[in-house]
Amino acid sequence: MNINSPVGTVQHAGSPPVNTLHRDDAPSPTSAVSWGAIFAGAAAAAALSLILLVLGAGLGMASASPWADRGADAGTLGIAGILWITITGLLASGMGGYLAGRLRTKWVAVHTDEVFFRDTAHGFLAWAVATLVTAAVLTSAAGSVVGAGAKAGASLAGGAAAAATAATAGAATAGANSPTASAGTGYFVDALFRKAAVAPAGAAPAADGTTAPAAAAAPAAPMTGDTQSNAQTAAEVTRIFANSIRTGDLPPADVSYVGQLVAQRTGLSQQEAEKRVTDTYAQARKKLDDAAAAAKEAADQARKASAYTALWLFISLLIAAFAASYAATIGGRQRDL
């Protein structure tokens, strides 16, 4: 038995020498993480992602068209965009993971399973760093997509809730001749006070028995009363319509009162004027209900698109993480050959 061996070994007769400096339980002199390789792989993955995203954006804009019968539709572009993002993540993360595994420091006297785990971790860390860098540089591209969809849905939902009241309330506040009134119930209020066109004097009957004007048709008779009084009447009717739209139906008392105003301005009988009031109110109510339904439908579509985009981005990121981790093991295996 030799105790004081120059290489620091304890040797027994008939047994192989054991190096006490390289036992399996001895700490490794090198770190298990090669941050240089990780950052190198992450930089490559981020750069390749940027290049492929720019290429995909160019292809998407080339495929789209503002004309109805040209270019790809929105559904096709959405599916193509998701597939392109998935392919981009797969290629870029695979390249970054491979470089992280290939450029890492070679570990000596480390078990094969431990080497496999470390290579996988290096690929995953390269993907994580690349994802964070890309999100920071591009102002969180994934968050922008999801946030834009959610913001659009919220704004459209708010517009749907206010569609039935904003136009009418704004018209009542600003006056019947304001742009707000024209965009809301102003058109229907003006229609209430229209007079029927009257054939001009001297019109001769046509060959088919109808009465045709001798020259050009004369315009409708102007409204009676001064302009200020007419504007005040229209504004009052607009407020009545706005209140009825908020509450639900036009009360009979309001129908009778507005009918009196219409009868005074147009020369219609009270019964005819009230019928015009109810018909015009129903048209205005239907227009606002249709606008609110369209806004709700658009908000629902935006919500669904945002949800689908978030789910597919989640799947794409998972695929990219797996590709980076697996590619790192391939790179590490080739590094150790």
C-alpha atoms as a PDB file:
ATOM      1  CA  MET A   1       0.000   0.000   0.000  1.00  0.00           C
ATOM      2  CA  ASN A   2       1.338   3.376  -1.011  1.00  0.00           C
ATOM      3  CA  ILE A   3      -0.027   6.262   1.092  1.00  0.00           C
ATOM      4  CA  ASN A   4       2.139   9.174  -0.060  1.00  0.00           C
ATOM      5  CA  SER A   5       1.653   8.942  -3.778  1.00  0.00           C
ATOM      6  CA  PRO A   6       2.868  11.991  -5.751  1.00  0.00           C
ATOM      7  CA  VAL A   7      -0.474  12.329  -7.485  1.00  0.00           C
ATOM      8  CA  GLY A   8      -2.454  12.255  -4.266  1.00  0.00           C
ATOM      9  CA  THR A   9      -3.996   8.821  -4.603  1.00  0.00           C
ATOM     10  CA  VAL A  10      -4.673   6.030  -2.134  1.00  0.00           C
ATOM     11  CA  GLN A  11      -3.683   2.755  -3.757  1.00  0.00           C
ATOM     12  CA  HIS A  12      -4.343  -0.743  -2.430  1.00  0.00           C
ATOM     13  CA  ALA A  13      -2.802  -3.845  -3.724  1.00  0.00           C
ATOM     14  CA  GLY A  14      -4.859  -5.373  -6.523  1.00  0.00           C
ATOM     15  CA  SER A  15      -7.165  -2.281  -6.955  1.00  0.00           C
ATOM     16  CA  PRO A  16      -7.071   0.416  -9.686  1.00  0.00           C
ATOM     17  CA  PRO A  17      -5.934   3.911  -8.739  1.00  0.00           C
ATOM     18  CA  VAL A  18      -8.660   6.449  -7.807  1.00  0.00           C
ATOM     19  CA  ASN A  19      -8.102  10.155  -8.401  1.00  0.00           C
ATOM     20  CA  THR A  20      -9.468  12.039  -5.415  1.00  0.00           C
ATOM     21  CA  LEU A  21      -9.467  15.320  -7.329  1.00  0.00           C
ATOM     22  CA  HIS A  22     -12.047  14.152  -9.886  1.00  0.00           C
ATOM     23  CA  ARG A  23     -14.631  12.283  -7.858  1.00  0.00           C
ATOM     24  CA  ASP A  24     -18.270  12.475  -8.986  1.00  0.00           C
ATOM     25  CA  ASP A  25     -19.250  14.279  -5.796  1.00  0.00           C
ATOM     26  CA  ALA A  26     -16.483  16.858  -6.098  1.00  0.00           C
ATOM     27  CA  PRO A  27     -17.593  20.371  -7.173  1.00  0.00           C
ATOM     28  CA  SER A  28     -16.860  21.289 -10.774  1.00  0.00           C
ATOM     29  CA  PRO A  29     -14.352  24.109 -11.233  1.00  0.00           C
ATOM     30  CA  THR A  30     -16.500  25.593 -14.054  1.00  0.00           C
ATOM     31  CA  SER A  31     -20.026  27.030 -13.899  1.00  0.00           C
ATOM     32  CA  ALA A  32     -22.954  24.973 -15.117  1.00  0.00           C
ATOM     33  CA  VAL A  33     -24.280  27.995 -17.044  1.00  0.00           C
ATOM     34  CA  SER A  34     -22.485  29.483 -20.024  1.00  0.00           C
ATOM     35  CA  TRP A  35     -24.053  32.929 -20.162  1.00  0.00           C
ATOM     36  CA  GLY A  36     -21.933  33.942 -23.111  1.00  0.00           C
ATOM     37  CA  ALA A  37     -23.384  31.135 -25.207  1.00  0.00           C
ATOM     38  CA  ILE A  38     -26.897  31.937 -23.978  1.00  0.00           C
ATOM     39  CA  PHE A  39     -26.664  35.621 -24.887  1.00  0.00           C
ATOM     40  CA  ALA A  40     -25.120  34.759 -28.243  1.00  0.00           C
ATOM     41  CA  GLY A  41     -27.971  32.381 -29.058  1.00  0.00           C
ATOM     42  CA  ALA A  42     -30.550  34.879 -27.794  1.00  0.00           C
ATOM     43  CA  ALA A  43     -29.117  37.669 -29.969  1.00  0.00           C
ATOM     44  CA  ALA A  44     -29.207  35.432 -33.020  1.00  0.00           C
ATOM     45  CA  ALA A  45     -32.780  34.348 -32.282  1.00  0.00           C
ATOM     46  CA  ALA A  46     -33.984  37.939 -31.746  1.00  0.00           C
ATOM     47  CA  ALA A  47     -32.340  39.170 -34.944  1.00  0.00           C
ATOM     48  CA  LEU A  48     -33.738  36.315 -37.002  1.00  0.00           C
ATOM     49  CA  SER A  49     -37.188  36.864 -35.504  1.00  0.00           C
ATOM     50  CA  LEU A  50     -37.063  40.524 -36.483  1.00  0.00           C
ATOM     51  CA  ILE A  51     -36.038  39.706 -40.037  1.00  0.00           C
ATOM     52  CA  LEU A  52     -38.748  37.086 -40.467  1.00  0.00           C
ATOM     53  CA  LEU A  53     -41.422  39.316 -38.930  1.00  0.00           C
ATOM     54  CA  VAL A  54     -40.538  42.131 -41.330  1.00  0.00           C
ATOM     55  CA  LEU A  55     -40.691  39.674 -44.224  1.00  0.00           C
ATOM     56  CA  GLY A  56     -44.054  38.380 -43.038  1.00  0.00           C
ATOM     57  CA  ALA A  57     -45.431  41.913 -42.719  1.00  0.00           C
ATOM     58  CA  GLY A  58     -44.324  42.690 -46.258  1.00  0.00           C
ATOM     59  CA  LEU A  59     -45.924  39.530 -47.629  1.00  0.00           C
ATOM     60  CA  GLY A  60     -49.115  40.258 -45.726  1.00  0.00           C
ATOM     61  CA  MET A  61     -49.395  43.805 -47.053  1.00  0.00           C
ATOM     62  CA  ALA A  62     -48.696  42.545 -50.557  1.00  0.00           C
ATOM     63  CA  SER A  63     -51.515  40.003 -50.220  1.00  0.00           C
ATOM     64  CA  ALA A  64     -54.071  42.478 -48.849  1.00  0.00           C
ATOM     65  CA  SER A  65     -56.086  44.877 -50.985  1.00  0.00           C
ATOM     66  CA  PRO A  66     -58.694  47.570 -50.217  1.00  0.00           C
ATOM     67  CA  TRP A  67     -60.756  46.414 -53.196  1.00  0.00           C
ATOM     68  CA  ALA A  68     -63.532  43.959 -52.470  1.00  0.00           C
ATOM     69  CA  ASP A  69     -62.680  41.351 -55.102  1.00  0.00           C
ATOM     70  CA  ARG A  70     -58.884  41.537 -54.884  1.00  0.00           C
ATOM     71  CA  GLY A  71     -56.387  40.121 -52.450  1.00  0.00           C
ATOM     72  CA  ALA A  72     -56.888  37.720 -49.571  1.00  0.00           C
ATOM     73  CA  ASP A  73     -59.738  38.134 -47.126  1.00  0.00           C
ATOM     74  CA  ALA A  74     -59.321  38.900 -43.437  1.00  0.00           C
ATOM     75  CA  GLY A  75     -59.765  35.285 -42.350  1.00  0.00           C
ATOM     76  CA  THR A  76     -57.089  34.020 -44.700  1.00  0.00           C
ATOM     77  CA  LEU A  77     -54.679  36.752 -43.638  1.00  0.00           C
ATOM     78  CA  GLY A  78     -55.314  35.924 -39.976  1.00  0.00           C
ATOM     79  CA  ILE A  79     -54.582  32.224 -40.437  1.00  0.00           C
ATOM     80  CA  ALA A  80     -51.511  33.013 -42.538  1.00  0.00           C
ATOM     81  CA  GLY A  81     -50.282  35.443 -39.886  1.00  0.00           C
ATOM     82  CA  ILE A  82     -50.599  32.871 -37.105  1.00  0.00           C
ATOM     83  CA  LEU A  83     -48.791  30.241 -39.188  1.00  0.00           C
ATOM     84  CA  TRP A  84     -46.032  32.692 -40.059  1.00  0.00           C
ATOM     85  CA  ILE A  85     -45.533  33.681 -36.419  1.00  0.00           C
ATOM     86  CA  THR A  86     -45.319  29.991 -35.486  1.00  0.00           C
ATOM     87  CA  ILE A  87     -42.794  29.271 -38.237  1.00  0.00           C
ATOM     88  CA  THR A  88     -40.807  32.359 -37.243  1.00  0.00           C
ATOM     89  CA  GLY A  89     -40.611  31.246 -33.643  1.00  0.00           C
ATOM     90  CA  LEU A  90     -39.687  27.725 -34.659  1.00  0.00           C
ATOM     91  CA  LEU A  91     -36.825  28.779 -36.937  1.00  0.00           C
ATOM     92  CA  ALA A  92     -35.466  31.627 -34.836  1.00  0.00           C
ATOM     93  CA  SER A  93     -35.651  29.779 -31.535  1.00  0.00           C
ATOM     94  CA  GLY A  94     -34.174  26.654 -33.079  1.00  0.00           C
ATOM     95  CA  MET A  95     -31.235  28.654 -34.409  1.00  0.00           C
ATOM     96  CA  GLY A  96     -30.714  30.429 -31.081  1.00  0.00           C
ATOM     97  CA  GLY A  97     -30.917  27.196 -29.094  1.00  0.00           C
ATOM     98  CA  TYR A  98     -28.500  25.411 -31.408  1.00  0.00           C
ATOM     99  CA  LEU A  99     -25.949  28.211 -31.086  1.00  0.00           C
ATOM    100  CA  ALA A 100     -26.352  28.282 -27.295  1.00  0.00           C
ATOM    101  CA  GLY A 101     -25.644  24.557 -27.120  1.00  0.00           C
ATOM    102  CA  ARG A 102     -22.838  24.566 -29.662  1.00  0.00           C
ATOM    103  CA  LEU A 103     -20.976  27.562 -28.190  1.00  0.00           C
ATOM    104  CA  ARG A 104     -21.196  26.550 -24.549  1.00  0.00           C
ATOM    105  CA  THR A 105     -18.180  25.586 -22.477  1.00  0.00           C
ATOM    106  CA  LYS A 106     -17.417  21.890 -22.610  1.00  0.00           C
ATOM    107  CA  TRP A 107     -18.083  20.180 -19.276  1.00  0.00           C
ATOM    108  CA  VAL A 108     -15.538  17.602 -18.138  1.00  0.00           C
ATOM    109  CA  ALA A 109     -16.374  14.568 -15.964  1.00  0.00           C
ATOM    110  CA  VAL A 110     -20.138  15.332 -15.999  1.00  0.00           C
ATOM    111  CA  HIS A 111     -22.731  12.589 -16.267  1.00  0.00           C
ATOM    112  CA  THR A 112     -24.522  12.240 -19.608  1.00  0.00           C
ATOM    113  CA  ASP A 113     -27.947  12.925 -18.094  1.00  0.00           C
ATOM    114  CA  GLU A 114     -26.625  16.089 -16.476  1.00  0.00           C
ATOM    115  CA  VAL A 115     -25.142  17.247 -19.781  1.00  0.00           C
ATOM    116  CA  PHE A 116     -28.514  16.676 -21.479  1.00  0.00           C
ATOM    117  CA  PHE A 117     -30.318  18.677 -18.789  1.00  0.00           C
ATOM    118  CA  ARG A 118     -27.835  21.552 -18.972  1.00  0.00           C
ATOM    119  CA  ASP A 119     -28.074  21.726 -22.754  1.00  0.00           C
ATOM    120  CA  THR A 120     -31.864  21.799 -22.533  1.00  0.00           C
ATOM    121  CA  ALA A 121     -31.686  24.556 -19.934  1.00  0.00           C
ATOM    122  CA  HIS A 122     -29.291  26.567 -22.110  1.00  0.00           C
ATOM    123  CA  GLY A 123     -31.683  26.383 -25.035  1.00  0.00           C
ATOM    124  CA  PHE A 124     -34.625  27.385 -22.872  1.00  0.00           C
ATOM    125  CA  LEU A 125     -32.711  30.310 -21.359  1.00  0.00           C
ATOM    126  CA  ALA A 126     -31.640  31.475 -24.817  1.00  0.00           C
ATOM    127  CA  TRP A 127     -35.294  31.426 -25.902  1.00  0.00           C
ATOM    128  CA  ALA A 128     -36.375  33.293 -22.755  1.00  0.00           C
ATOM    129  CA  VAL A 129     -33.754  36.025 -23.182  1.00  0.00           C
ATOM    130  CA  ALA A 130     -34.566  36.391 -26.880  1.00  0.00           C
ATOM    131  CA  THR A 131     -38.284  36.657 -26.124  1.00  0.00           C
ATOM    132  CA  LEU A 132     -37.737  39.344 -23.501  1.00  0.00           C
ATOM    133  CA  VAL A 133     -35.380  41.301 -25.746  1.00  0.00           C
ATOM    134  CA  THR A 134     -37.764  41.094 -28.689  1.00  0.00           C
ATOM    135  CA  ALA A 135     -40.674  42.186 -26.525  1.00  0.00           C
ATOM    136  CA  ALA A 136     -38.690  45.153 -25.191  1.00  0.00           C
ATOM    137  CA  VAL A 137     -37.363  46.268 -28.576  1.00  0.00           C
ATOM    138  CA  LEU A 138     -40.658  45.870 -30.398  1.00  0.00           C
ATOM    139  CA  THR A 139     -42.652  47.364 -27.501  1.00  0.00           C
ATOM    140  CA  SER A 140     -44.117  43.994 -26.633  1.00  0.00           C
ATOM    141  CA  ALA A 141     -45.485  42.912 -29.996  1.00  0.00           C
ATOM    142  CA  ALA A 142     -47.655  40.158 -28.527  1.00  0.00           C
ATOM    143  CA  GLY A 143     -49.050  42.475 -25.868  1.00  0.00           C
ATOM    144  CA  SER A 144     -49.777  45.105 -28.498  1.00  0.00           C
ATOM    145  CA  VAL A 145     -51.835  42.654 -30.540  1.00  0.00           C
ATOM    146  CA  VAL A 146     -53.836  41.479 -27.554  1.00  0.00           C
ATOM    147  CA  GLY A 147     -54.164  44.977 -26.110  1.00  0.00           C
ATOM    148  CA  ALA A 148     -55.295  46.428 -29.412  1.00  0.00           C
ATOM    149  CA  GLY A 149     -58.018  43.822 -29.741  1.00  0.00           C
ATOM    150  CA  ALA A 150     -59.199  44.334 -26.189  1.00  0.00           C
ATOM    151  CA  LYS A 151     -59.097  48.122 -26.534  1.00  0.00           C
ATOM    152  CA  ALA A 152     -61.057  47.975 -29.781  1.00  0.00           C
ATOM    153  CA  GLY A 153     -63.618  45.684 -28.187  1.00  0.00           C
ATOM    154  CA  ALA A 154     -64.012  47.959 -25.168  1.00  0.00           C
ATOM    155  CA  SER A 155     -64.372  51.097 -27.260  1.00  0.00           C
ATOM    156  CA  LEU A 156     -66.882  49.456 -29.560  1.00  0.00           C
ATOM    157  CA  ALA A 157     -68.810  48.085 -26.618  1.00  0.00           C
ATOM    158  CA  GLY A 158     -68.921  51.552 -25.085  1.00  0.00           C
ATOM    159  CA  GLY A 159     -70.057  52.961 -28.397  1.00  0.00           C
ATOM    160  CA  ALA A 160     -72.806  50.380 -28.581  1.00  0.00           C
ATOM    161  CA  ALA A 161     -74.062  51.304 -25.133  1.00  0.00           C
ATOM    162  CA  ALA A 162     -74.045  55.018 -25.942  1.00  0.00           C
ATOM    163  CA  ALA A 163     -75.248  54.779 -29.527  1.00  0.00           C
ATOM    164  CA  ALA A 164     -78.902  55.073 -28.604  1.00  0.00           C
ATOM    165  CA  THR A 165     -78.435  58.150 -26.415  1.00  0.00           C
ATOM    166  CA  ALA A 166     -75.342  60.053 -27.529  1.00  0.00           C
ATOM    167  CA  ALA A 167     -76.721  61.225 -30.836  1.00  0.00           C
ATOM    168  CA  THR A 168     -80.112  62.232 -29.495  1.00  0.00           C
ATOM    169  CA  ALA A 169     -78.824  63.801 -26.292  1.00  0.00           C
ATOM    170  CA  GLY A 170     -76.144  65.700 -28.168  1.00  0.00           C
ATOM    171  CA  ALA A 171     -78.708  66.921 -30.646  1.00  0.00           C
ATOM    172  CA  ALA A 172     -80.978  68.152 -27.900  1.00  0.00           C
ATOM    173  CA  THR A 173     -78.156  69.990 -26.184  1.00  0.00           C
ATOM    174  CA  ALA A 174     -76.498  71.519 -29.212  1.00  0.00           C
ATOM    175  CA  GLY A 175     -79.654  72.412 -31.110  1.00  0.00           C
ATOM    176  CA  ALA A 176     -81.559  70.996 -34.018  1.00  0.00           C
ATOM    177  CA  ASN A 177     -79.341  72.588 -36.666  1.00  0.00           C
ATOM    178  CA  SER A 178     -76.025  71.345 -35.191  1.00  0.00           C
ATOM    179  CA  PRO A 179     -73.919  68.595 -36.794  1.00  0.00           C
ATOM    180  CA  THR A 180     -74.702  66.346 -33.832  1.00  0.00           C
ATOM    181  CA  ALA A 181     -78.389  66.660 -34.494  1.00  0.00           C
ATOM    182  CA  SER A 182     -77.911  65.944 -38.167  1.00  0.00           C
ATOM    183  CA  ALA A 183     -75.945  62.811 -37.312  1.00  0.00           C
ATOM    184  CA  GLY A 184     -78.599  61.614 -34.834  1.00  0.00           C
ATOM    185  CA  THR A 185     -82.343  62.208 -34.922  1.00  0.00           C
ATOM    186  CA  GLY A 186     -82.096  65.589 -36.620  1.00  0.00           C
ATOM    187  CA  TYR A 187     -82.901  64.079 -39.995  1.00  0.00           C
ATOM    188  CA  PHE A 188     -86.061  62.412 -38.674  1.00  0.00           C
ATOM    189  CA  VAL A 189     -87.161  65.563 -36.860  1.00  0.00           C
ATOM    190  CA  ASP A 190     -86.772  67.519 -40.080  1.00  0.00           C
ATOM    191  CA  ALA A 191     -88.801  64.878 -41.890  1.00  0.00           C
ATOM    192  CA  LEU A 192     -91.663  65.455 -39.453  1.00  0.00           C
ATOM    193  CA  PHE A 193     -92.154  69.021 -40.630  1.00  0.00           C
ATOM    194  CA  ARG A 194     -91.851  68.438 -44.360  1.00  0.00           C
ATOM    195  CA  LYS A 195     -94.736  69.609 -46.463  1.00  0.00           C
ATOM    196  CA  ALA A 196     -95.975  67.520 -49.339  1.00  0.00           C
ATOM    197  CA  ALA A 197     -94.807  68.757 -52.735  1.00  0.00           C
ATOM    198  CA  VAL A 198     -97.552  70.679 -54.527  1.00  0.00           C
ATOM    199  CA  ALA A 199     -97.754  70.842 -58.302  1.00  0.00           C
ATOM    200  CA  PRO A 200     -97.259  74.400 -59.553  1.00  0.00           C
ATOM    201  CA  ALA A 201    -100.076  76.348 -61.069  1.00  0.00           C
ATOM    202  CA  GLY A 202    -100.458  75.929 -64.808  1.00  0.00           C
ATOM    203  CA  ALA A 203     -99.315  72.318 -64.897  1.00  0.00           C
ATOM    204  CA  ALA A 204    -100.848  70.443 -67.809  1.00  0.00           C
ATOM    205  CA  PRO A 205    -101.972  66.797 -67.695  1.00  0.00           C
ATOM    206  CA  ALA A 206     -99.599  64.427 -69.394  1.00  0.00           C
ATOM    207  CA  ALA A 207    -100.488  61.849 -72.028  1.00  0.00           C
ATOM    208  CA  ASP A 208    -100.807  59.074 -69.427  1.00  0.00           C
ATOM    209  CA  GLY A 209    -103.301  61.074 -67.388  1.00  0.00           C
ATOM    210  CA  THR A 210    -100.851  62.328 -64.764  1.00  0.00           C
ATOM    211  CA  THR A 211    -100.235  65.953 -64.135  1.00  0.00           C
ATOM    212  CA  ALA A 212     -96.861  67.143 -65.405  1.00  0.00           C
ATOM    213  CA  PRO A 213     -95.456  70.617 -64.806  1.00  0.00           C
ATOM    214  CA  ALA A 214     -95.359  72.923 -67.748  1.00  0.00           C
ATOM    215  CA  ALA A 215     -91.755  73.871 -67.052  1.00  0.00           C
ATOM    216  CA  ALA A 216     -89.653  72.862 -64.026  1.00  0.00           C
ATOM    217  CA  ALA A 217     -91.242  71.603 -60.828  1.00  0.00           C
ATOM    218  CA  ALA A 218     -91.518  74.293 -58.193  1.00  0.00           C
ATOM    219  CA  PRO A 219     -89.825  73.664 -54.843  1.00  0.00           C
ATOM    220  CA  ALA A 220     -91.815  72.787 -51.766  1.00  0.00           C
ATOM    221  CA  ALA A 221     -93.431  75.653 -49.933  1.00  0.00           C
ATOM    222  CA  PRO A 222     -91.229  77.198 -47.258  1.00  0.00           C
ATOM    223  CA  MET A 223     -91.897  76.658 -43.592  1.00  0.00           C
ATOM    224  CA  THR A 224     -94.239  79.094 -41.880  1.00  0.00           C
ATOM    225  CA  GLY A 225     -93.063  81.162 -38.975  1.00  0.00           C
ATOM    226  CA  ASP A 226     -89.700  82.688 -38.392  1.00  0.00           C
ATOM    227  CA  THR A 227     -86.492  80.669 -38.457  1.00  0.00           C
ATOM    228  CA  GLN A 228     -85.845  80.991 -34.727  1.00  0.00           C
ATOM    229  CA  SER A 229     -89.282  79.650 -33.831  1.00  0.00           C
ATOM    230  CA  ASN A 230     -88.853  76.717 -36.220  1.00  0.00           C
ATOM    231  CA  ALA A 231     -85.452  75.874 -34.738  1.00  0.00           C
ATOM    232  CA  GLN A 232     -86.842  75.982 -31.197  1.00  0.00           C
ATOM    233  CA  THR A 233     -89.708  73.705 -32.185  1.00  0.00           C
ATOM    234  CA  ALA A 234     -87.342  71.228 -33.824  1.00  0.00           C
ATOM    235  CA  ALA A 235     -85.064  71.262 -30.778  1.00  0.00           C
ATOM    236  CA  GLU A 236     -88.042  70.618 -28.493  1.00  0.00           C
ATOM    237  CA  VAL A 237     -89.173  67.654 -30.587  1.00  0.00           C
ATOM    238  CA  THR A 238     -85.609  66.333 -30.599  1.00  0.00           C
ATOM    239  CA  ARG A 239     -85.554  66.410 -26.790  1.00  0.00           C
ATOM    240  CA  ILE A 240     -88.890  64.597 -26.686  1.00  0.00           C
ATOM    241  CA  PHE A 241     -87.550  61.895 -29.003  1.00  0.00           C
ATOM    242  CA  ALA A 242     -84.342  61.602 -26.997  1.00  0.00           C
ATOM    243  CA  ASN A 243     -86.192  61.136 -23.725  1.00  0.00           C
ATOM    244  CA  SER A 244     -88.528  58.561 -25.273  1.00  0.00           C
ATOM    245  CA  ILE A 245     -85.615  56.588 -26.737  1.00  0.00           C
ATOM    246  CA  ARG A 246     -84.002  56.443 -23.297  1.00  0.00           C
ATOM    247  CA  THR A 247     -87.211  55.380 -21.553  1.00  0.00           C
ATOM    248  CA  GLY A 248     -88.490  53.001 -24.233  1.00  0.00           C
ATOM    249  CA  ASP A 249     -91.629  54.235 -25.993  1.00  0.00           C
ATOM    250  CA  LEU A 250     -93.147  57.538 -27.053  1.00  0.00           C
ATOM    251  CA  PRO A 251     -95.976  58.348 -24.595  1.00  0.00           C
ATOM    252  CA  PRO A 252     -99.423  59.113 -26.055  1.00  0.00           C
ATOM    253  CA  ALA A 253     -99.301  62.620 -24.591  1.00  0.00           C
ATOM    254  CA  ASP A 254     -96.085  63.339 -26.452  1.00  0.00           C
ATOM    255  CA  VAL A 255     -97.542  61.867 -29.640  1.00  0.00           C
ATOM    256  CA  SER A 256    -100.524  64.195 -29.364  1.00  0.00           C
ATOM    257  CA  TYR A 257     -98.386  67.258 -28.581  1.00  0.00           C
ATOM    258  CA  VAL A 258     -95.854  66.661 -31.332  1.00  0.00           C
ATOM    259  CA  GLY A 259     -98.742  65.912 -33.697  1.00  0.00           C
ATOM    260  CA  GLN A 260    -100.171  69.357 -32.964  1.00  0.00           C
ATOM    261  CA  LEU A 261     -96.837  70.974 -33.807  1.00  0.00           C
ATOM    262  CA  VAL A 262     -96.571  68.979 -37.026  1.00  0.00           C
ATOM    263  CA  ALA A 263    -100.156  69.820 -37.967  1.00  0.00           C
ATOM    264  CA  GLN A 264     -99.503  73.539 -37.458  1.00  0.00           C
ATOM    265  CA  ARG A 265     -96.375  73.474 -39.606  1.00  0.00           C
ATOM    266  CA  THR A 266     -97.523  71.168 -42.411  1.00  0.00           C
ATOM    267  CA  GLY A 267    -101.291  71.665 -42.621  1.00  0.00           C
ATOM    268  CA  LEU A 268    -102.014  67.992 -41.974  1.00  0.00           C
ATOM    269  CA  SER A 269    -104.936  66.876 -39.863  1.00  0.00           C
ATOM    270  CA  GLN A 270    -104.298  65.906 -36.244  1.00  0.00           C
ATOM    271  CA  GLN A 271    -104.772  62.225 -37.007  1.00  0.00           C
ATOM    272  CA  GLU A 272    -102.420  62.307 -39.996  1.00  0.00           C
ATOM    273  CA  ALA A 273     -99.859  64.289 -38.039  1.00  0.00           C
ATOM    274  CA  GLU A 274     -99.907  61.802 -35.149  1.00  0.00           C
ATOM    275  CA  LYS A 275     -99.462  58.916 -37.592  1.00  0.00           C
ATOM    276  CA  ARG A 276     -96.462  60.679 -39.099  1.00  0.00           C
ATOM    277  CA  VAL A 277     -95.026  61.188 -35.607  1.00  0.00           C
ATOM    278  CA  THR A 278     -95.335  57.501 -34.644  1.00  0.00           C
ATOM    279  CA  ASP A 279     -93.958  56.318 -37.987  1.00  0.00           C
ATOM    280  CA  THR A 280     -91.002  58.721 -37.883  1.00  0.00           C
ATOM    281  CA  TYR A 281     -90.232  57.838 -34.276  1.00  0.00           C
ATOM    282  CA  ALA A 282     -90.262  54.120 -35.153  1.00  0.00           C
ATOM    283  CA  GLN A 283     -87.819  54.761 -38.023  1.00  0.00           C
ATOM    284  CA  ALA A 284     -85.475  56.744 -35.778  1.00  0.00           C
ATOM    285  CA  ARG A 285     -85.637  54.097 -33.064  1.00  0.00           C
ATOM    286  CA  LYS A 286     -84.937  51.322 -35.582  1.00  0.00           C
ATOM    287  CA  LYS A 287     -81.920  53.179 -36.978  1.00  0.00           C
ATOM    288  CA  LEU A 288     -80.405  53.634 -33.523  1.00  0.00           C
ATOM    289  CA  ASP A 289     -81.134  50.023 -32.555  1.00  0.00           C
ATOM    290  CA  ASP A 290     -79.479  48.807 -35.757  1.00  0.00           C
ATOM    291  CA  ALA A 291     -76.434  50.971 -35.043  1.00  0.00           C
ATOM    292  CA  ALA A 292     -76.196  49.613 -31.510  1.00  0.00           C
ATOM    293  CA  ALA A 293     -76.543  46.016 -32.723  1.00  0.00           C
ATOM    294  CA  ALA A 294     -73.853  46.559 -35.360  1.00  0.00           C
ATOM    295  CA  ALA A 295     -71.512  48.046 -32.757  1.00  0.00           C
ATOM    296  CA  LYS A 296     -72.112  45.119 -30.398  1.00  0.00           C
ATOM    297  CA  GLU A 297     -71.467  42.650 -33.204  1.00  0.00           C
ATOM    298  CA  ALA A 298     -68.211  44.409 -34.082  1.00  0.00           C
ATOM    299  CA  ALA A 299     -67.193  44.407 -30.412  1.00  0.00           C
ATOM    300  CA  ASP A 300     -67.923  40.685 -30.156  1.00  0.00           C
ATOM    301  CA  GLN A 301     -65.891  39.968 -33.274  1.00  0.00           C
ATOM    302  CA  ALA A 302     -62.985  42.000 -31.893  1.00  0.00           C
ATOM    303  CA  ARG A 303     -63.207  40.098 -28.592  1.00  0.00           C
ATOM    304  CA  LYS A 304     -63.120  36.736 -30.351  1.00  0.00           C
ATOM    305  CA  ALA A 305     -60.228  37.802 -32.567  1.00  0.00           C
ATOM    306  CA  SER A 306     -58.281  39.000 -29.529  1.00  0.00           C
ATOM    307  CA  ALA A 307     -58.920  35.736 -27.659  1.00  0.00           C
ATOM    308  CA  TYR A 308     -57.916  33.564 -30.618  1.00  0.00           C
ATOM    309  CA  THR A 309     -54.789  35.637 -31.182  1.00  0.00           C
ATOM    310  CA  ALA A 310     -53.742  35.300 -27.544  1.00  0.00           C
ATOM    311  CA  LEU A 311     -54.276  31.531 -27.541  1.00  0.00           C
ATOM    312  CA  TRP A 312     -52.353  30.997 -30.768  1.00  0.00           C
ATOM    313  CA  LEU A 313     -49.508  33.221 -29.584  1.00  0.00           C
ATOM    314  CA  PHE A 314     -49.335  31.112 -26.443  1.00  0.00           C
ATOM    315  CA  ILE A 315     -49.090  27.943 -28.535  1.00  0.00           C
ATOM    316  CA  SER A 316     -46.476  29.529 -30.806  1.00  0.00           C
ATOM    317  CA  LEU A 317     -44.341  30.522 -27.833  1.00  0.00           C
ATOM    318  CA  LEU A 318     -44.520  27.007 -26.422  1.00  0.00           C
ATOM    319  CA  ILE A 319     -43.449  25.557 -29.768  1.00  0.00           C
ATOM    320  CA  ALA A 320     -40.567  28.028 -29.943  1.00  0.00           C
ATOM    321  CA  ALA A 321     -39.418  27.137 -26.407  1.00  0.00           C
ATOM    322  CA  PHE A 322     -39.452  23.436 -27.225  1.00  0.00           C
ATOM    323  CA  ALA A 323     -37.550  24.027 -30.484  1.00  0.00           C
ATOM    324  CA  ALA A 324     -34.868  26.053 -28.705  1.00  0.00           C
ATOM    325  CA  SER A 325     -34.420  23.462 -25.961  1.00  0.00           C
ATOM    326  CA  TYR A 326     -34.207  20.545 -28.378  1.00  0.00           C
ATOM    327  CA  ALA A 327     -31.860  22.342 -30.764  1.00  0.00           C
ATOM    328  CA  ALA A 328     -29.542  23.139 -27.850  1.00  0.00           C
ATOM    329  CA  THR A 329     -29.172  19.442 -27.076  1.00  0.00           C
ATOM    330  CA  ILE A 330     -28.223  18.796 -30.692  1.00  0.00           C
ATOM    331  CA  GLY A 331     -25.689  21.601 -30.647  1.00  0.00           C
ATOM    332  CA  GLY A 332     -24.224  20.434 -27.349  1.00  0.00           C
ATOM    333  CA  ARG A 333     -23.920  16.853 -28.574  1.00  0.00           C
ATOM    334  CA  GLN A 334     -22.045  18.010 -31.655  1.00  0.00           C
ATOM    335  CA  ARG A 335     -19.875  20.242 -29.473  1.00  0.00           C
ATOM    336  CA  ASP A 336     -18.781  17.280 -27.347  1.00  0.00           C
ATOM    337  CA  LEU A 337     -17.902  15.017 -30.279  1.00  0.00           C
END
